[in-house]
Amino acid sequence: MAYASSLGVGMAIALFGSLLIGVFIDRQLGTKNIFAALFFFIGVAAGLRNVFHFVKKYFPKDEDHGEESGGNRDAPAEKD
């Protein structure tokens, strides 16, 4: 539960941190929010990457579903 809440904080930091970097670059170069938009989307991608790694780590894909019940899920059922 604690990791899930830190995931939300990490996503917010990735988003707003990259947005602030983009705004800073825009002010230094005198551009009109080009880098802010670019870095915002980079932050979104970083946040989604964090979510992907969270899901992959805490919800692993179980390859052996059919063997637990003693049957093969891919084989057709036999009728008597």
PDB file of N, CA and C in Angstrom:
ATOM      1  N   MET A   1       0.824  -1.183   0.000  1.00  0.00           N
ATOM      2  CA  MET A   1       0.000   0.000   0.000  1.00  0.00           C
ATOM      3  C   MET A   1       0.877   1.260   0.000  1.00  0.00           C
ATOM      4  N   ALA A   2       1.937   1.207   0.764  1.00  0.00           N
ATOM      5  CA  ALA A   2       2.833   2.363   0.829  1.00  0.00           C
ATOM      6  C   ALA A   2       3.521   2.590  -0.514  1.00  0.00           C
ATOM      7  N   TYR A   3       3.862   1.491  -1.195  1.00  0.00           N
ATOM      8  CA  TYR A   3       4.518   1.639  -2.489  1.00  0.00           C
ATOM      9  C   TYR A   3       3.553   2.225  -3.513  1.00  0.00           C
ATOM     10  N   ALA A   4       2.298   1.843  -3.424  1.00  0.00           N
ATOM     11  CA  ALA A   4       1.299   2.375  -4.358  1.00  0.00           C
ATOM     12  C   ALA A   4       1.113   3.878  -4.162  1.00  0.00           C
ATOM     13  N   SER A   5       1.122   4.333  -2.915  1.00  0.00           N
ATOM     14  CA  SER A   5       0.969   5.774  -2.691  1.00  0.00           C
ATOM     15  C   SER A   5       2.227   6.524  -3.114  1.00  0.00           C
ATOM     16  N   SER A   6       3.386   5.915  -2.926  1.00  0.00           N
ATOM     17  CA  SER A   6       4.615   6.569  -3.383  1.00  0.00           C
ATOM     18  C   SER A   6       4.683   6.594  -4.905  1.00  0.00           C
ATOM     19  N   LEU A   7       3.986   5.663  -5.543  1.00  0.00           N
ATOM     20  CA  LEU A   7       3.917   5.660  -7.003  1.00  0.00           C
ATOM     21  C   LEU A   7       3.192   6.914  -7.498  1.00  0.00           C
ATOM     22  N   GLY A   8       2.115   7.297  -6.827  1.00  0.00           N
ATOM     23  CA  GLY A   8       1.394   8.523  -7.197  1.00  0.00           C
ATOM     24  C   GLY A   8       2.245   9.761  -7.000  1.00  0.00           C
ATOM     25  N   VAL A   9       2.986   9.799  -5.897  1.00  0.00           N
ATOM     26  CA  VAL A   9       3.880  10.931  -5.640  1.00  0.00           C
ATOM     27  C   VAL A   9       4.979  10.976  -6.693  1.00  0.00           C
ATOM     28  N   GLY A  10       5.517   9.811  -7.028  1.00  0.00           N
ATOM     29  CA  GLY A  10       6.567   9.750  -8.046  1.00  0.00           C
ATOM     30  C   GLY A  10       6.073  10.194  -9.411  1.00  0.00           C
ATOM     31  N   MET A  11       4.824   9.852  -9.720  1.00  0.00           N
ATOM     32  CA  MET A  11       4.263  10.279 -11.006  1.00  0.00           C
ATOM     33  C   MET A  11       4.074  11.794 -11.027  1.00  0.00           C
ATOM     34  N   ALA A  12       3.607  12.356  -9.923  1.00  0.00           N
ATOM     35  CA  ALA A  12       3.425  13.811  -9.848  1.00  0.00           C
ATOM     36  C   ALA A  12       4.762  14.533  -9.947  1.00  0.00           C
ATOM     37  N   ILE A  13       5.784  14.007  -9.295  1.00  0.00           N
ATOM     38  CA  ILE A  13       7.106  14.630  -9.352  1.00  0.00           C
ATOM     39  C   ILE A  13       7.657  14.569 -10.772  1.00  0.00           C
ATOM     40  N   ALA A  14       7.478  13.430 -11.443  1.00  0.00           N
ATOM     41  CA  ALA A  14       7.954  13.308 -12.827  1.00  0.00           C
ATOM     42  C   ALA A  14       7.252  14.314 -13.733  1.00  0.00           C
ATOM     43  N   LEU A  15       5.948  14.451 -13.544  1.00  0.00           N
ATOM     44  CA  LEU A  15       5.174  15.373 -14.373  1.00  0.00           C
ATOM     45  C   LEU A  15       5.553  16.827 -14.131  1.00  0.00           C
ATOM     46  N   PHE A  16       5.454  17.252 -12.876  1.00  0.00           N
ATOM     47  CA  PHE A  16       5.681  18.662 -12.574  1.00  0.00           C
ATOM     48  C   PHE A  16       7.155  19.039 -12.631  1.00  0.00           C
ATOM     49  N   GLY A  17       8.023  18.104 -12.302  1.00  0.00           N
ATOM     50  CA  GLY A  17       9.455  18.385 -12.411  1.00  0.00           C
ATOM     51  C   GLY A  17       9.875  18.627 -13.848  1.00  0.00           C
ATOM     52  N   SER A  18       9.407  17.777 -14.736  1.00  0.00           N
ATOM     53  CA  SER A  18       9.756  17.965 -16.145  1.00  0.00           C
ATOM     54  C   SER A  18       9.084  19.218 -16.711  1.00  0.00           C
ATOM     55  N   LEU A  19       7.871  19.511 -16.255  1.00  0.00           N
ATOM     56  CA  LEU A  19       7.199  20.727 -16.707  1.00  0.00           C
ATOM     57  C   LEU A  19       7.963  21.969 -16.264  1.00  0.00           C
ATOM     58  N   LEU A  20       8.450  21.975 -15.032  1.00  0.00           N
ATOM     59  CA  LEU A  20       9.231  23.116 -14.544  1.00  0.00           C
ATOM     60  C   LEU A  20      10.539  23.277 -15.315  1.00  0.00           C
ATOM     61  N   ILE A  21      11.155  22.164 -15.673  1.00  0.00           N
ATOM     62  CA  ILE A  21      12.375  22.241 -16.488  1.00  0.00           C
ATOM     63  C   ILE A  21      12.053  22.856 -17.847  1.00  0.00           C
ATOM     64  N   GLY A  22      10.929  22.447 -18.440  1.00  0.00           N
ATOM     65  CA  GLY A  22      10.524  23.007 -19.724  1.00  0.00           C
ATOM     66  C   GLY A  22      10.222  24.495 -19.650  1.00  0.00           C
ATOM     67  N   VAL A  23       9.563  24.923 -18.573  1.00  0.00           N
ATOM     68  CA  VAL A  23       9.268  26.346 -18.395  1.00  0.00           C
ATOM     69  C   VAL A  23      10.566  27.130 -18.217  1.00  0.00           C
ATOM     70  N   PHE A  24      11.490  26.587 -17.458  1.00  0.00           N
ATOM     71  CA  PHE A  24      12.783  27.246 -17.259  1.00  0.00           C
ATOM     72  C   PHE A  24      13.525  27.421 -18.585  1.00  0.00           C
ATOM     73  N   ILE A  25      13.557  26.380 -19.409  1.00  0.00           N
ATOM     74  CA  ILE A  25      14.230  26.472 -20.712  1.00  0.00           C
ATOM     75  C   ILE A  25      13.523  27.486 -21.604  1.00  0.00           C
ATOM     76  N   ASP A  26      12.182  27.499 -21.575  1.00  0.00           N
ATOM     77  CA  ASP A  26      11.430  28.478 -22.375  1.00  0.00           C
ATOM     78  C   ASP A  26      11.766  29.910 -21.967  1.00  0.00           C
ATOM     79  N   ARG A  27      11.892  30.143 -20.691  1.00  0.00           N
ATOM     80  CA  ARG A  27      12.226  31.504 -20.229  1.00  0.00           C
ATOM     81  C   ARG A  27      13.642  31.893 -20.610  1.00  0.00           C
ATOM     82  N   GLN A  28      14.565  30.952 -20.559  1.00  0.00           N
ATOM     83  CA  GLN A  28      15.951  31.249 -20.903  1.00  0.00           C
ATOM     84  C   GLN A  28      16.112  31.525 -22.402  1.00  0.00           C
ATOM     85  N   LEU A  29      15.382  30.786 -23.212  1.00  0.00           N
ATOM     86  CA  LEU A  29      15.516  30.936 -24.665  1.00  0.00           C
ATOM     87  C   LEU A  29      14.509  31.918 -25.258  1.00  0.00           C
ATOM     88  N   GLY A  30      13.508  32.314 -24.493  1.00  0.00           N
ATOM     89  CA  GLY A  30      12.511  33.245 -24.999  1.00  0.00           C
ATOM     90  C   GLY A  30      11.484  32.609 -25.909  1.00  0.00           C
ATOM     91  N   THR A  31      11.341  31.312 -25.845  1.00  0.00           N
ATOM     92  CA  THR A  31      10.338  30.622 -26.668  1.00  0.00           C
ATOM     93  C   THR A  31       9.007  30.628 -25.936  1.00  0.00           C
ATOM     94  N   LYS A  32       7.944  30.336 -26.663  1.00  0.00           N
ATOM     95  CA  LYS A  32       6.599  30.400 -26.089  1.00  0.00           C
ATOM     96  C   LYS A  32       6.064  28.994 -25.810  1.00  0.00           C
ATOM     97  N   ASN A  33       6.429  28.442 -24.685  1.00  0.00           N
ATOM     98  CA  ASN A  33       5.901  27.174 -24.166  1.00  0.00           C
ATOM     99  C   ASN A  33       6.150  25.964 -25.059  1.00  0.00           C
ATOM    100  N   ILE A  34       7.107  26.029 -25.932  1.00  0.00           N
ATOM    101  CA  ILE A  34       7.430  24.874 -26.763  1.00  0.00           C
ATOM    102  C   ILE A  34       8.078  23.794 -25.908  1.00  0.00           C
ATOM    103  N   PHE A  35       9.071  24.172 -25.134  1.00  0.00           N
ATOM    104  CA  PHE A  35       9.773  23.200 -24.309  1.00  0.00           C
ATOM    105  C   PHE A  35       8.923  22.763 -23.118  1.00  0.00           C
ATOM    106  N   ALA A  36       8.056  23.627 -22.629  1.00  0.00           N
ATOM    107  CA  ALA A  36       7.159  23.240 -21.539  1.00  0.00           C
ATOM    108  C   ALA A  36       6.239  22.110 -21.990  1.00  0.00           C
ATOM    109  N   ALA A  37       5.684  22.223 -23.178  1.00  0.00           N
ATOM    110  CA  ALA A  37       4.816  21.169 -23.708  1.00  0.00           C
ATOM    111  C   ALA A  37       5.611  19.895 -23.969  1.00  0.00           C
ATOM    112  N   LEU A  38       6.796  20.056 -24.543  1.00  0.00           N
ATOM    113  CA  LEU A  38       7.634  18.889 -24.831  1.00  0.00           C
ATOM    114  C   LEU A  38       8.010  18.151 -23.548  1.00  0.00           C
ATOM    115  N   PHE A  39       8.456  18.885 -22.554  1.00  0.00           N
ATOM    116  CA  PHE A  39       8.857  18.250 -21.307  1.00  0.00           C
ATOM    117  C   PHE A  39       7.652  17.741 -20.515  1.00  0.00           C
ATOM    118  N   PHE A  40       6.482  18.336 -20.696  1.00  0.00           N
ATOM    119  CA  PHE A  40       5.276  17.807 -20.065  1.00  0.00           C
ATOM    120  C   PHE A  40       4.995  16.399 -20.575  1.00  0.00           C
ATOM    121  N   PHE A  41       5.083  16.214 -21.893  1.00  0.00           N
ATOM    122  CA  PHE A  41       4.833  14.886 -22.452  1.00  0.00           C
ATOM    123  C   PHE A  41       5.931  13.894 -22.065  1.00  0.00           C
ATOM    124  N   ILE A  42       7.142  14.372 -21.904  1.00  0.00           N
ATOM    125  CA  ILE A  42       8.209  13.508 -21.405  1.00  0.00           C
ATOM    126  C   ILE A  42       7.904  13.078 -19.970  1.00  0.00           C
ATOM    127  N   GLY A  43       7.372  13.994 -19.163  1.00  0.00           N
ATOM    128  CA  GLY A  43       6.977  13.664 -17.798  1.00  0.00           C
ATOM    129  C   GLY A  43       5.841  12.659 -17.751  1.00  0.00           C
ATOM    130  N   VAL A  44       4.884  12.798 -18.658  1.00  0.00           N
ATOM    131  CA  VAL A  44       3.790  11.831 -18.742  1.00  0.00           C
ATOM    132  C   VAL A  44       4.343  10.451 -19.079  1.00  0.00           C
ATOM    133  N   ALA A  45       5.263  10.396 -20.029  1.00  0.00           N
ATOM    134  CA  ALA A  45       5.869   9.121 -20.407  1.00  0.00           C
ATOM    135  C   ALA A  45       6.643   8.519 -19.236  1.00  0.00           C
ATOM    136  N   ALA A  46       7.352   9.337 -18.485  1.00  0.00           N
ATOM    137  CA  ALA A  46       8.098   8.842 -17.321  1.00  0.00           C
ATOM    138  C   ALA A  46       7.143   8.328 -16.248  1.00  0.00           C
ATOM    139  N   GLY A  47       6.040   9.030 -16.035  1.00  0.00           N
ATOM    140  CA  GLY A  47       5.049   8.574 -15.064  1.00  0.00           C
ATOM    141  C   GLY A  47       4.408   7.261 -15.472  1.00  0.00           C
ATOM    142  N   LEU A  48       4.076   7.114 -16.741  1.00  0.00           N
ATOM    143  CA  LEU A  48       3.498   5.863 -17.228  1.00  0.00           C
ATOM    144  C   LEU A  48       4.506   4.724 -17.151  1.00  0.00           C
ATOM    145  N   ARG A  49       5.777   5.041 -17.366  1.00  0.00           N
ATOM    146  CA  ARG A  49       6.825   4.036 -17.227  1.00  0.00           C
ATOM    147  C   ARG A  49       6.903   3.541 -15.788  1.00  0.00           C
ATOM    148  N   ASN A  50       6.773   4.454 -14.829  1.00  0.00           N
ATOM    149  CA  ASN A  50       6.770   4.067 -13.420  1.00  0.00           C
ATOM    150  C   ASN A  50       5.585   3.163 -13.092  1.00  0.00           C
ATOM    151  N   VAL A  51       4.419   3.491 -13.624  1.00  0.00           N
ATOM    152  CA  VAL A  51       3.236   2.663 -13.402  1.00  0.00           C
ATOM    153  C   VAL A  51       3.431   1.282 -14.016  1.00  0.00           C
ATOM    154  N   PHE A  52       3.979   1.224 -15.217  1.00  0.00           N
ATOM    155  CA  PHE A  52       4.235  -0.048 -15.881  1.00  0.00           C
ATOM    156  C   PHE A  52       5.162  -0.930 -15.053  1.00  0.00           C
ATOM    157  N   HIS A  53       6.245  -0.355 -14.534  1.00  0.00           N
ATOM    158  CA  HIS A  53       7.174  -1.137 -13.728  1.00  0.00           C
ATOM    159  C   HIS A  53       6.544  -1.576 -12.408  1.00  0.00           C
ATOM    160  N   PHE A  54       5.657  -0.756 -11.826  1.00  0.00           N
ATOM    161  CA  PHE A  54       4.942  -1.139 -10.616  1.00  0.00           C
ATOM    162  C   PHE A  54       4.052  -2.348 -10.887  1.00  0.00           C
ATOM    163  N   VAL A  55       3.280  -2.283 -11.956  1.00  0.00           N
ATOM    164  CA  VAL A  55       2.375  -3.383 -12.294  1.00  0.00           C
ATOM    165  C   VAL A  55       3.171  -4.642 -12.609  1.00  0.00           C
ATOM    166  N   LYS A  56       4.255  -4.508 -13.321  1.00  0.00           N
ATOM    167  CA  LYS A  56       5.074  -5.655 -13.684  1.00  0.00           C
ATOM    168  C   LYS A  56       5.710  -6.298 -12.448  1.00  0.00           C
ATOM    169  N   LYS A  57       6.086  -5.488 -11.470  1.00  0.00           N
ATOM    170  CA  LYS A  57       6.757  -6.010 -10.279  1.00  0.00           C
ATOM    171  C   LYS A  57       5.774  -6.667  -9.319  1.00  0.00           C
ATOM    172  N   TYR A  58       4.623  -6.038  -9.081  1.00  0.00           N
ATOM    173  CA  TYR A  58       3.705  -6.532  -8.063  1.00  0.00           C
ATOM    174  C   TYR A  58       2.579  -7.407  -8.597  1.00  0.00           C
ATOM    175  N   PHE A  59       2.414  -7.482  -9.900  1.00  0.00           N
ATOM    176  CA  PHE A  59       1.421  -8.358 -10.505  1.00  0.00           C
ATOM    177  C   PHE A  59       2.083  -9.158 -11.628  1.00  0.00           C
ATOM    178  N   PRO A  60       2.964 -10.100 -11.251  1.00  0.00           N
ATOM    179  CA  PRO A  60       3.677 -10.853 -12.299  1.00  0.00           C
ATOM    180  C   PRO A  60       2.719 -11.751 -13.074  1.00  0.00           C
ATOM    181  N   LYS A  61       3.053 -11.992 -14.310  1.00  0.00           N
ATOM    182  CA  LYS A  61       2.248 -12.852 -15.159  1.00  0.00           C
ATOM    183  C   LYS A  61       2.487 -14.286 -14.727  1.00  0.00           C
ATOM    184  N   ASP A  62       1.414 -14.994 -14.417  1.00  0.00           N
ATOM    185  CA  ASP A  62       1.523 -16.368 -13.965  1.00  0.00           C
ATOM    186  C   ASP A  62       1.448 -17.281 -15.182  1.00  0.00           C
ATOM    187  N   GLU A  63       2.533 -17.960 -15.491  1.00  0.00           N
ATOM    188  CA  GLU A  63       2.608 -18.801 -16.686  1.00  0.00           C
ATOM    189  C   GLU A  63       1.996 -20.178 -16.473  1.00  0.00           C
ATOM    190  N   ASP A  64       1.778 -20.593 -15.229  1.00  0.00           N
ATOM    191  CA  ASP A  64       1.363 -21.960 -14.941  1.00  0.00           C
ATOM    192  C   ASP A  64      -0.079 -22.052 -14.469  1.00  0.00           C
ATOM    193  N   HIS A  65      -0.993 -21.322 -15.060  1.00  0.00           N
ATOM    194  CA  HIS A  65      -2.384 -21.371 -14.628  1.00  0.00           C
ATOM    195  C   HIS A  65      -3.005 -22.736 -14.856  1.00  0.00           C
ATOM    196  N   GLY A  66      -2.767 -23.361 -15.982  1.00  0.00           N
ATOM    197  CA  GLY A  66      -3.412 -24.622 -16.326  1.00  0.00           C
ATOM    198  C   GLY A  66      -2.927 -25.790 -15.506  1.00  0.00           C
ATOM    199  N   GLU A  67      -1.707 -25.767 -15.032  1.00  0.00           N
ATOM    200  CA  GLU A  67      -1.146 -26.897 -14.305  1.00  0.00           C
ATOM    201  C   GLU A  67      -1.655 -26.980 -12.880  1.00  0.00           C
ATOM    202  N   GLU A  68      -2.127 -25.900 -12.298  1.00  0.00           N
ATOM    203  CA  GLU A  68      -2.607 -25.911 -10.922  1.00  0.00           C
ATOM    204  C   GLU A  68      -3.876 -26.742 -10.779  1.00  0.00           C
ATOM    205  N   SER A  69      -4.755 -26.690 -11.761  1.00  0.00           N
ATOM    206  CA  SER A  69      -6.005 -27.434 -11.673  1.00  0.00           C
ATOM    207  C   SER A  69      -5.865 -28.848 -12.195  1.00  0.00           C
ATOM    208  N   GLY A  70      -4.700 -29.218 -12.680  1.00  0.00           N
ATOM    209  CA  GLY A  70      -4.469 -30.577 -13.144  1.00  0.00           C
ATOM    210  C   GLY A  70      -4.838 -30.788 -14.597  1.00  0.00           C
ATOM    211  N   GLY A  71      -5.213 -29.765 -15.291  1.00  0.00           N
ATOM    212  CA  GLY A  71      -5.611 -29.916 -16.687  1.00  0.00           C
ATOM    213  C   GLY A  71      -4.895 -28.937 -17.575  1.00  0.00           C
ATOM    214  N   ASN A  72      -5.012 -29.155 -18.851  1.00  0.00           N
ATOM    215  CA  ASN A  72      -4.413 -28.264 -19.822  1.00  0.00           C
ATOM    216  C   ASN A  72      -5.507 -27.362 -20.373  1.00  0.00           C
ATOM    217  N   ARG A  73      -5.370 -26.065 -20.205  1.00  0.00           N
ATOM    218  CA  ARG A  73      -6.402 -25.130 -20.631  1.00  0.00           C
ATOM    219  C   ARG A  73      -6.490 -25.028 -22.144  1.00  0.00           C
ATOM    220  N   ASP A  74      -5.414 -25.341 -22.840  1.00  0.00           N
ATOM    221  CA  ASP A  74      -5.425 -25.217 -24.295  1.00  0.00           C
ATOM    222  C   ASP A  74      -6.045 -26.414 -24.990  1.00  0.00           C
ATOM    223  N   ALA A  75      -6.092 -27.548 -24.317  1.00  0.00           N
ATOM    224  CA  ALA A  75      -6.629 -28.764 -24.931  1.00  0.00           C
ATOM    225  C   ALA A  75      -8.157 -28.728 -24.882  1.00  0.00           C
ATOM    226  N   PRO A  76      -8.818 -29.230 -25.931  1.00  0.00           N
ATOM    227  CA  PRO A  76     -10.276 -29.243 -25.907  1.00  0.00           C
ATOM    228  C   PRO A  76     -10.797 -30.250 -24.890  1.00  0.00           C
ATOM    229  N   ALA A  77     -11.948 -29.981 -24.320  1.00  0.00           N
ATOM    230  CA  ALA A  77     -12.546 -30.887 -23.325  1.00  0.00           C
ATOM    231  C   ALA A  77     -13.088 -32.120 -24.022  1.00  0.00           C
ATOM    232  N   GLU A  78     -12.891 -33.280 -23.367  1.00  0.00           N
ATOM    233  CA  GLU A  78     -13.404 -34.527 -23.930  1.00  0.00           C
ATOM    234  C   GLU A  78     -14.839 -34.726 -23.505  1.00  0.00           C
ATOM    235  N   LYS A  79     -15.648 -35.212 -24.439  1.00  0.00           N
ATOM    236  CA  LYS A  79     -17.056 -35.491 -24.132  1.00  0.00           C
ATOM    237  C   LYS A  79     -17.245 -36.986 -24.068  1.00  0.00           C
ATOM    238  N   ASP A  80     -18.064 -37.422 -23.108  1.00  0.00           N
ATOM    239  CA  ASP A  80     -18.363 -38.863 -22.972  1.00  0.00           C
ATOM    240  C   ASP A  80     -19.652 -39.225 -23.615  1.00  0.00           C
TER     241      ASP A  80
END
